[in-house]
Amino acid sequence: MPTYIYETIPKKKGQKPRRFEVVQKMKDKPLKKCPETGEAVQRVITGGCGVVFHGPSIMSMNVPRGRK
């Protein structure tokens, strides 16, 4: 299950939002309130991570090499 980041929506100007993580199923609806304090929250969109492989691919290792 993915971990989502939420942050509280400050009520007063100058107040900093508090971030926290919640493990949820993808089909679950986003939270509207913080489970601990009841404050209004919003889901934070962050950059994901990807896997990058360098070098020859696994598929190319199965192809016999020609003579030089």
PDB file of N, CA and C in Angstrom:
ATOM      1  N   MET A   1       0.836  -1.174   0.000  1.00  0.00           N
ATOM      2  CA  MET A   1       0.000   0.000   0.000  1.00  0.00           C
ATOM      3  C   MET A   1       0.890   1.250   0.000  1.00  0.00           C
ATOM      4  N   PRO A   2       0.487   2.273  -0.747  1.00  0.00           N
ATOM      5  CA  PRO A   2       1.298   3.487  -0.808  1.00  0.00           C
ATOM      6  C   PRO A   2       1.169   4.340   0.449  1.00  0.00           C
ATOM      7  N   THR A   3       2.180   5.141   0.671  1.00  0.00           N
ATOM      8  CA  THR A   3       2.192   6.099   1.771  1.00  0.00           C
ATOM      9  C   THR A   3       1.927   7.480   1.196  1.00  0.00           C
ATOM     10  N   TYR A   4       0.910   8.149   1.713  1.00  0.00           N
ATOM     11  CA  TYR A   4       0.551   9.490   1.251  1.00  0.00           C
ATOM     12  C   TYR A   4       0.972  10.525   2.275  1.00  0.00           C
ATOM     13  N   ILE A   5       1.358  11.697   1.785  1.00  0.00           N
ATOM     14  CA  ILE A   5       1.743  12.804   2.655  1.00  0.00           C
ATOM     15  C   ILE A   5       0.592  13.799   2.690  1.00  0.00           C
ATOM     16  N   TYR A   6       0.223  14.197   3.881  1.00  0.00           N
ATOM     17  CA  TYR A   6      -0.812  15.194   4.088  1.00  0.00           C
ATOM     18  C   TYR A   6      -0.221  16.346   4.873  1.00  0.00           C
ATOM     19  N   GLU A   7      -0.828  17.527   4.733  1.00  0.00           N
ATOM     20  CA  GLU A   7      -0.435  18.658   5.566  1.00  0.00           C
ATOM     21  C   GLU A   7      -1.680  19.387   6.021  1.00  0.00           C
ATOM     22  N   THR A   8      -1.592  19.935   7.231  1.00  0.00           N
ATOM     23  CA  THR A   8      -2.718  20.676   7.779  1.00  0.00           C
ATOM     24  C   THR A   8      -2.852  22.007   7.053  1.00  0.00           C
ATOM     25  N   ILE A   9      -4.067  22.516   7.003  1.00  0.00           N
ATOM     26  CA  ILE A   9      -4.336  23.810   6.394  1.00  0.00           C
ATOM     27  C   ILE A   9      -4.387  24.828   7.527  1.00  0.00           C
ATOM     28  N   PRO A  10      -3.403  25.762   7.571  1.00  0.00           N
ATOM     29  CA  PRO A  10      -3.364  26.723   8.682  1.00  0.00           C
ATOM     30  C   PRO A  10      -4.598  27.627   8.705  1.00  0.00           C
ATOM     31  N   LYS A  11      -5.101  27.887   9.909  1.00  0.00           N
ATOM     32  CA  LYS A  11      -6.263  28.766  10.071  1.00  0.00           C
ATOM     33  C   LYS A  11      -5.836  30.222  10.187  1.00  0.00           C
ATOM     34  N   LYS A  12      -4.655  30.436  10.791  1.00  0.00           N
ATOM     35  CA  LYS A  12      -4.179  31.798  11.016  1.00  0.00           C
ATOM     36  C   LYS A  12      -3.024  32.110  10.077  1.00  0.00           C
ATOM     37  N   LYS A  13      -2.929  33.375   9.684  1.00  0.00           N
ATOM     38  CA  LYS A  13      -1.835  33.807   8.823  1.00  0.00           C
ATOM     39  C   LYS A  13      -0.522  33.692   9.590  1.00  0.00           C
ATOM     40  N   GLY A  14       0.500  33.164   8.934  1.00  0.00           N
ATOM     41  CA  GLY A  14       1.802  33.000   9.569  1.00  0.00           C
ATOM     42  C   GLY A  14       1.981  31.655  10.256  1.00  0.00           C
ATOM     43  N   GLN A  15       0.905  30.918  10.438  1.00  0.00           N
ATOM     44  CA  GLN A  15       0.988  29.598  11.070  1.00  0.00           C
ATOM     45  C   GLN A  15       1.520  28.601  10.040  1.00  0.00           C
ATOM     46  N   LYS A  16       2.440  27.752  10.449  1.00  0.00           N
ATOM     47  CA  LYS A  16       3.046  26.786   9.534  1.00  0.00           C
ATOM     48  C   LYS A  16       2.212  25.499   9.507  1.00  0.00           C
ATOM     49  N   PRO A  17       2.079  24.903   8.308  1.00  0.00           N
ATOM     50  CA  PRO A  17       1.364  23.627   8.224  1.00  0.00           C
ATOM     51  C   PRO A  17       2.222  22.496   8.798  1.00  0.00           C
ATOM     52  N   ARG A  18       1.555  21.491   9.308  1.00  0.00           N
ATOM     53  CA  ARG A  18       2.233  20.317   9.859  1.00  0.00           C
ATOM     54  C   ARG A  18       2.020  19.170   8.887  1.00  0.00           C
ATOM     55  N   ARG A  19       3.087  18.478   8.522  1.00  0.00           N
ATOM     56  CA  ARG A  19       3.006  17.354   7.582  1.00  0.00           C
ATOM     57  C   ARG A  19       3.059  16.027   8.327  1.00  0.00           C
ATOM     58  N   PHE A  20       2.344  15.054   7.779  1.00  0.00           N
ATOM     59  CA  PHE A  20       2.379  13.700   8.330  1.00  0.00           C
ATOM     60  C   PHE A  20       2.083  12.713   7.213  1.00  0.00           C
ATOM     61  N   GLU A  21       2.421  11.468   7.440  1.00  0.00           N
ATOM     62  CA  GLU A  21       2.250  10.411   6.437  1.00  0.00           C
ATOM     63  C   GLU A  21       1.173   9.435   6.885  1.00  0.00           C
ATOM     64  N   VAL A  22       0.420   8.931   5.908  1.00  0.00           N
ATOM     65  CA  VAL A  22      -0.626   7.953   6.178  1.00  0.00           C
ATOM     66  C   VAL A  22      -0.524   6.848   5.132  1.00  0.00           C
ATOM     67  N   VAL A  23      -0.567   5.600   5.570  1.00  0.00           N
ATOM     68  CA  VAL A  23      -0.581   4.462   4.648  1.00  0.00           C
ATOM     69  C   VAL A  23      -2.041   4.166   4.335  1.00  0.00           C
ATOM     70  N   GLN A  24      -2.390   4.256   3.043  1.00  0.00           N
ATOM     71  CA  GLN A  24      -3.760   4.030   2.605  1.00  0.00           C
ATOM     72  C   GLN A  24      -3.767   3.183   1.343  1.00  0.00           C
ATOM     73  N   LYS A  25      -4.900   2.566   1.079  1.00  0.00           N
ATOM     74  CA  LYS A  25      -5.081   1.880  -0.191  1.00  0.00           C
ATOM     75  C   LYS A  25      -5.304   2.932  -1.266  1.00  0.00           C
ATOM     76  N   MET A  26      -4.988   2.606  -2.505  1.00  0.00           N
ATOM     77  CA  MET A  26      -5.159   3.554  -3.601  1.00  0.00           C
ATOM     78  C   MET A  26      -6.629   3.900  -3.827  1.00  0.00           C
ATOM     79  N   LYS A  27      -7.517   2.975  -3.518  1.00  0.00           N
ATOM     80  CA  LYS A  27      -8.938   3.232  -3.744  1.00  0.00           C
ATOM     81  C   LYS A  27      -9.585   4.016  -2.595  1.00  0.00           C
ATOM     82  N   ASP A  28      -8.884   4.203  -1.489  1.00  0.00           N
ATOM     83  CA  ASP A  28      -9.415   4.993  -0.378  1.00  0.00           C
ATOM     84  C   ASP A  28      -9.501   6.465  -0.766  1.00  0.00           C
ATOM     85  N   LYS A  29     -10.520   7.143  -0.271  1.00  0.00           N
ATOM     86  CA  LYS A  29     -10.672   8.574  -0.533  1.00  0.00           C
ATOM     87  C   LYS A  29      -9.658   9.347   0.305  1.00  0.00           C
ATOM     88  N   PRO A  30      -9.203  10.501  -0.196  1.00  0.00           N
ATOM     89  CA  PRO A  30      -8.256  11.314   0.581  1.00  0.00           C
ATOM     90  C   PRO A  30      -8.880  11.779   1.898  1.00  0.00           C
ATOM     91  N   LEU A  31      -8.029  11.931   2.900  1.00  0.00           N
ATOM     92  CA  LEU A  31      -8.503  12.411   4.195  1.00  0.00           C
ATOM     93  C   LEU A  31      -8.939  13.863   4.093  1.00  0.00           C
ATOM     94  N   LYS A  32      -9.939  14.238   4.874  1.00  0.00           N
ATOM     95  CA  LYS A  32     -10.395  15.627   4.963  1.00  0.00           C
ATOM     96  C   LYS A  32      -9.922  16.262   6.272  1.00  0.00           C
ATOM     97  N   LYS A  33      -9.755  15.404   7.314  1.00  0.00           N
ATOM     98  CA  LYS A  33      -9.353  15.885   8.633  1.00  0.00           C
ATOM     99  C   LYS A  33      -8.211  15.039   9.164  1.00  0.00           C
ATOM    100  N   CYS A  34      -7.376  15.652   9.997  1.00  0.00           N
ATOM    101  CA  CYS A  34      -6.271  14.939  10.643  1.00  0.00           C
ATOM    102  C   CYS A  34      -6.851  13.936  11.637  1.00  0.00           C
ATOM    103  N   PRO A  35      -6.409  12.680  11.608  1.00  0.00           N
ATOM    104  CA  PRO A  35      -6.944  11.686  12.539  1.00  0.00           C
ATOM    105  C   PRO A  35      -6.638  11.997  14.000  1.00  0.00           C
ATOM    106  N   GLU A  36      -5.560  12.729  14.277  1.00  0.00           N
ATOM    107  CA  GLU A  36      -5.172  13.030  15.659  1.00  0.00           C
ATOM    108  C   GLU A  36      -5.841  14.287  16.206  1.00  0.00           C
ATOM    109  N   THR A  37      -5.832  15.372  15.400  1.00  0.00           N
ATOM    110  CA  THR A  37      -6.286  16.670  15.912  1.00  0.00           C
ATOM    111  C   THR A  37      -7.619  17.128  15.340  1.00  0.00           C
ATOM    112  N   GLY A  38      -8.057  16.563  14.228  1.00  0.00           N
ATOM    113  CA  GLY A  38      -9.305  16.978  13.611  1.00  0.00           C
ATOM    114  C   GLY A  38      -9.175  18.214  12.729  1.00  0.00           C
ATOM    115  N   GLU A  39      -7.946  18.713  12.537  1.00  0.00           N
ATOM    116  CA  GLU A  39      -7.725  19.873  11.677  1.00  0.00           C
ATOM    117  C   GLU A  39      -7.962  19.494  10.217  1.00  0.00           C
ATOM    118  N   ALA A  40      -8.324  20.483   9.410  1.00  0.00           N
ATOM    119  CA  ALA A  40      -8.499  20.250   7.975  1.00  0.00           C
ATOM    120  C   ALA A  40      -7.139  19.963   7.341  1.00  0.00           C
ATOM    121  N   VAL A  41      -7.106  19.000   6.418  1.00  0.00           N
ATOM    122  CA  VAL A  41      -5.851  18.619   5.767  1.00  0.00           C
ATOM    123  C   VAL A  41      -6.040  18.541   4.263  1.00  0.00           C
ATOM    124  N   GLN A  42      -4.914  18.558   3.554  1.00  0.00           N
ATOM    125  CA  GLN A  42      -4.907  18.354   2.114  1.00  0.00           C
ATOM    126  C   GLN A  42      -3.767  17.408   1.774  1.00  0.00           C
ATOM    127  N   ARG A  43      -3.960  16.628   0.717  1.00  0.00           N
ATOM    128  CA  ARG A  43      -2.923  15.698   0.276  1.00  0.00           C
ATOM    129  C   ARG A  43      -1.861  16.484  -0.479  1.00  0.00           C
ATOM    130  N   VAL A  44      -0.602  16.177  -0.209  1.00  0.00           N
ATOM    131  CA  VAL A  44       0.523  16.855  -0.852  1.00  0.00           C
ATOM    132  C   VAL A  44       0.986  16.006  -2.024  1.00  0.00           C
ATOM    133  N   ILE A  45       1.083  16.635  -3.185  1.00  0.00           N
ATOM    134  CA  ILE A  45       1.570  15.941  -4.371  1.00  0.00           C
ATOM    135  C   ILE A  45       3.090  16.090  -4.395  1.00  0.00           C
ATOM    136  N   THR A  46       3.790  14.976  -4.383  1.00  0.00           N
ATOM    137  CA  THR A  46       5.250  15.005  -4.399  1.00  0.00           C
ATOM    138  C   THR A  46       5.759  14.267  -5.622  1.00  0.00           C
ATOM    139  N   GLY A  47       7.001  14.498  -5.942  1.00  0.00           N
ATOM    140  CA  GLY A  47       7.619  13.785  -7.053  1.00  0.00           C
ATOM    141  C   GLY A  47       7.850  12.343  -6.663  1.00  0.00           C
ATOM    142  N   GLY A  48       7.540  11.456  -7.551  1.00  0.00           N
ATOM    143  CA  GLY A  48       7.752  10.045  -7.283  1.00  0.00           C
ATOM    144  C   GLY A  48       9.205   9.661  -7.527  1.00  0.00           C
ATOM    145  N   CYS A  49       9.478   8.418  -7.367  1.00  0.00           N
ATOM    146  CA  CYS A  49      10.829   7.951  -7.651  1.00  0.00           C
ATOM    147  C   CYS A  49      10.722   6.889  -8.736  1.00  0.00           C
ATOM    148  N   GLY A  50      11.698   6.841  -9.546  1.00  0.00           N
ATOM    149  CA  GLY A  50      11.716   5.863 -10.616  1.00  0.00           C
ATOM    150  C   GLY A  50      13.002   5.066 -10.548  1.00  0.00           C
ATOM    151  N   VAL A  51      13.009   3.968 -11.225  1.00  0.00           N
ATOM    152  CA  VAL A  51      14.187   3.122 -11.256  1.00  0.00           C
ATOM    153  C   VAL A  51      14.861   3.313 -12.607  1.00  0.00           C
ATOM    154  N   VAL A  52      16.121   3.645 -12.592  1.00  0.00           N
ATOM    155  CA  VAL A  52      16.877   3.854 -13.817  1.00  0.00           C
ATOM    156  C   VAL A  52      18.021   2.859 -13.832  1.00  0.00           C
ATOM    157  N   PHE A  53      18.072   2.043 -14.883  1.00  0.00           N
ATOM    158  CA  PHE A  53      19.142   1.081 -15.026  1.00  0.00           C
ATOM    159  C   PHE A  53      20.131   1.604 -16.055  1.00  0.00           C
ATOM    160  N   HIS A  54      21.400   1.491 -15.761  1.00  0.00           N
ATOM    161  CA  HIS A  54      22.434   1.902 -16.691  1.00  0.00           C
ATOM    162  C   HIS A  54      23.120   0.655 -17.237  1.00  0.00           C
ATOM    163  N   GLY A  55      23.597   0.750 -18.432  1.00  0.00           N
ATOM    164  CA  GLY A  55      24.297  -0.378 -19.019  1.00  0.00           C
ATOM    165  C   GLY A  55      23.383  -1.204 -19.900  1.00  0.00           C
ATOM    166  N   PRO A  56      23.855  -2.352 -20.332  1.00  0.00           N
ATOM    167  CA  PRO A  56      23.051  -3.173 -21.244  1.00  0.00           C
ATOM    168  C   PRO A  56      21.813  -3.735 -20.542  1.00  0.00           C
ATOM    169  N   SER A  57      20.764  -3.884 -21.307  1.00  0.00           N
ATOM    170  CA  SER A  57      19.541  -4.426 -20.720  1.00  0.00           C
ATOM    171  C   SER A  57      19.656  -5.942 -20.584  1.00  0.00           C
ATOM    172  N   ILE A  58      18.790  -6.512 -19.818  1.00  0.00           N
ATOM    173  CA  ILE A  58      18.777  -7.962 -19.619  1.00  0.00           C
ATOM    174  C   ILE A  58      18.452  -8.662 -20.927  1.00  0.00           C
ATOM    175  N   MET A  59      17.555  -8.061 -21.723  1.00  0.00           N
ATOM    176  CA  MET A  59      17.171  -8.674 -22.993  1.00  0.00           C
ATOM    177  C   MET A  59      18.352  -8.752 -23.961  1.00  0.00           C
ATOM    178  N   SER A  60      19.216  -7.749 -23.962  1.00  0.00           N
ATOM    179  CA  SER A  60      20.341  -7.767 -24.887  1.00  0.00           C
ATOM    180  C   SER A  60      21.389  -8.805 -24.489  1.00  0.00           C
ATOM    181  N   MET A  61      21.365  -9.266 -23.267  1.00  0.00           N
ATOM    182  CA  MET A  61      22.326 -10.279 -22.830  1.00  0.00           C
ATOM    183  C   MET A  61      21.964 -11.653 -23.373  1.00  0.00           C
ATOM    184  N   ASN A  62      20.715 -11.845 -23.817  1.00  0.00           N
ATOM    185  CA  ASN A  62      20.275 -13.134 -24.344  1.00  0.00           C
ATOM    186  C   ASN A  62      20.568 -13.291 -25.831  1.00  0.00           C
ATOM    187  N   VAL A  63      20.993 -12.223 -26.479  1.00  0.00           N
ATOM    188  CA  VAL A  63      21.256 -12.262 -27.917  1.00  0.00           C
ATOM    189  C   VAL A  63      22.716 -12.640 -28.136  1.00  0.00           C
ATOM    190  N   PRO A  64      22.967 -13.671 -28.957  1.00  0.00           N
ATOM    191  CA  PRO A  64      24.354 -14.052 -29.195  1.00  0.00           C
ATOM    192  C   PRO A  64      25.093 -12.947 -29.959  1.00  0.00           C
ATOM    193  N   ARG A  65      26.325 -12.719 -29.611  1.00  0.00           N
ATOM    194  CA  ARG A  65      27.117 -11.683 -30.245  1.00  0.00           C
ATOM    195  C   ARG A  65      27.735 -12.217 -31.546  1.00  0.00           C
ATOM    196  N   GLY A  66      27.857 -11.332 -32.527  1.00  0.00           N
ATOM    197  CA  GLY A  66      28.459 -11.705 -33.804  1.00  0.00           C
ATOM    198  C   GLY A  66      29.966 -11.774 -33.680  1.00  0.00           C
ATOM    199  N   ARG A  67      30.625 -12.372 -34.688  1.00  0.00           N
ATOM    200  CA  ARG A  67      32.087 -12.471 -34.692  1.00  0.00           C
ATOM    201  C   ARG A  67      32.676 -11.144 -35.079  1.00  0.00           C
ATOM    202  N   LYS A  68      33.810 -10.820 -34.547  1.00  0.00           N
ATOM    203  CA  LYS A  68      34.507  -9.568 -34.860  1.00  0.00           C
ATOM    204  C   LYS A  68      35.541  -9.785 -35.909  1.00  0.00           C
TER     205      LYS A  68
END
